[in-house]
């Protein structure tokens, strides 16, 4: 399962940074957690800048 925390310009650090921190503690096989944003960099309401994590395909490749 891939969980993406959507983060936009003007984000609140509590919303975008605590959730991934908690979800990373779940040790389940196949779980991934990342921060997704529409731009390469986004700035929080308090000036914290996050760089987008590498992009991934929007859908799974076809199964042979």
C-alpha atoms as a PDB file:
ATOM      1  CA  UNK A   1       0.000   0.000   0.000  1.00  0.00           C
ATOM      2  CA  UNK A   2       1.288   3.438  -0.865  1.00  0.00           C
ATOM      3  CA  UNK A   3       0.014   6.279   1.301  1.00  0.00           C
ATOM      4  CA  UNK A   4       0.656   9.758  -0.066  1.00  0.00           C
ATOM      5  CA  UNK A   5       0.225  12.812   2.169  1.00  0.00           C
ATOM      6  CA  UNK A   6      -0.920  15.575  -0.182  1.00  0.00           C
ATOM      7  CA  UNK A   7       0.846  18.822   0.645  1.00  0.00           C
ATOM      8  CA  UNK A   8       0.116  22.176  -0.989  1.00  0.00           C
ATOM      9  CA  UNK A   9       1.537  25.696  -0.852  1.00  0.00           C
ATOM     10  CA  UNK A  10       0.697  27.253   2.527  1.00  0.00           C
ATOM     11  CA  UNK A  11       0.421  23.866   4.239  1.00  0.00           C
ATOM     12  CA  UNK A  12       0.300  23.467   8.013  1.00  0.00           C
ATOM     13  CA  UNK A  13       3.315  21.540   9.338  1.00  0.00           C
ATOM     14  CA  UNK A  14       1.160  19.626  11.835  1.00  0.00           C
ATOM     15  CA  UNK A  15      -1.003  18.218   9.046  1.00  0.00           C
ATOM     16  CA  UNK A  16       1.759  17.324   6.599  1.00  0.00           C
ATOM     17  CA  UNK A  17       4.645  16.196   8.806  1.00  0.00           C
ATOM     18  CA  UNK A  18       3.142  14.397  11.798  1.00  0.00           C
ATOM     19  CA  UNK A  19       1.038  11.944   9.761  1.00  0.00           C
ATOM     20  CA  UNK A  20       4.022  10.535   7.809  1.00  0.00           C
ATOM     21  CA  UNK A  21       6.008  10.280  11.026  1.00  0.00           C
ATOM     22  CA  UNK A  22       3.320   8.191  12.658  1.00  0.00           C
ATOM     23  CA  UNK A  23       2.627   6.078   9.569  1.00  0.00           C
ATOM     24  CA  UNK A  24       6.343   5.297   9.112  1.00  0.00           C
ATOM     25  CA  UNK A  25       6.202   3.516  12.479  1.00  0.00           C
ATOM     26  CA  UNK A  26       3.781   0.931  11.090  1.00  0.00           C
ATOM     27  CA  UNK A  27       5.985  -1.949  10.042  1.00  0.00           C
ATOM     28  CA  UNK A  28       3.824  -3.752   7.512  1.00  0.00           C
ATOM     29  CA  UNK A  29       5.291  -5.418   4.423  1.00  0.00           C
ATOM     30  CA  UNK A  30       4.610  -3.364   1.313  1.00  0.00           C
ATOM     31  CA  UNK A  31       3.647  -0.145   3.090  1.00  0.00           C
ATOM     32  CA  UNK A  32       5.154   3.072   1.743  1.00  0.00           C
ATOM     33  CA  UNK A  33       4.481   6.600   2.942  1.00  0.00           C
ATOM     34  CA  UNK A  34       5.493   9.714   1.042  1.00  0.00           C
ATOM     35  CA  UNK A  35       4.734  13.411   0.784  1.00  0.00           C
ATOM     36  CA  UNK A  36       3.231  14.433  -2.551  1.00  0.00           C
ATOM     37  CA  UNK A  37       2.912  17.968  -3.854  1.00  0.00           C
ATOM     38  CA  UNK A  38       1.915  19.577  -7.157  1.00  0.00           C
ATOM     39  CA  UNK A  39       5.166  21.574  -7.327  1.00  0.00           C
ATOM     40  CA  UNK A  40       8.840  20.642  -6.832  1.00  0.00           C
ATOM     41  CA  UNK A  41       8.871  22.784  -3.649  1.00  0.00           C
ATOM     42  CA  UNK A  42       6.122  24.010  -1.357  1.00  0.00           C
ATOM     43  CA  UNK A  43       6.333  26.523   1.490  1.00  0.00           C
ATOM     44  CA  UNK A  44       4.318  26.187   4.691  1.00  0.00           C
ATOM     45  CA  UNK A  45       2.307  28.963   6.290  1.00  0.00           C
ATOM     46  CA  UNK A  46       5.324  29.475   8.596  1.00  0.00           C
ATOM     47  CA  UNK A  47       8.020  29.446   5.921  1.00  0.00           C
ATOM     48  CA  UNK A  48       9.178  25.795   6.096  1.00  0.00           C
ATOM     49  CA  UNK A  49      10.103  24.579   2.600  1.00  0.00           C
ATOM     50  CA  UNK A  50       9.618  20.955   1.556  1.00  0.00           C
ATOM     51  CA  UNK A  51      11.026  19.431  -1.588  1.00  0.00           C
ATOM     52  CA  UNK A  52       8.740  16.964  -3.319  1.00  0.00           C
ATOM     53  CA  UNK A  53       9.697  13.336  -3.052  1.00  0.00           C
ATOM     54  CA  UNK A  54      10.315  11.498  -6.317  1.00  0.00           C
ATOM     55  CA  UNK A  55       7.209  11.096  -8.393  1.00  0.00           C
ATOM     56  CA  UNK A  56       5.687   7.691  -8.953  1.00  0.00           C
ATOM     57  CA  UNK A  57       3.373   6.345 -11.665  1.00  0.00           C
ATOM     58  CA  UNK A  58      -0.234   7.421 -11.227  1.00  0.00           C
ATOM     59  CA  UNK A  59      -1.429   3.883 -11.868  1.00  0.00           C
ATOM     60  CA  UNK A  60       0.024   0.437 -11.565  1.00  0.00           C
ATOM     61  CA  UNK A  61       1.633  -1.025 -14.688  1.00  0.00           C
ATOM     62  CA  UNK A  62      -0.366  -3.776 -16.372  1.00  0.00           C
ATOM     63  CA  UNK A  63       0.141  -7.287 -15.076  1.00  0.00           C
ATOM     64  CA  UNK A  64       1.609  -9.618 -17.731  1.00  0.00           C
END
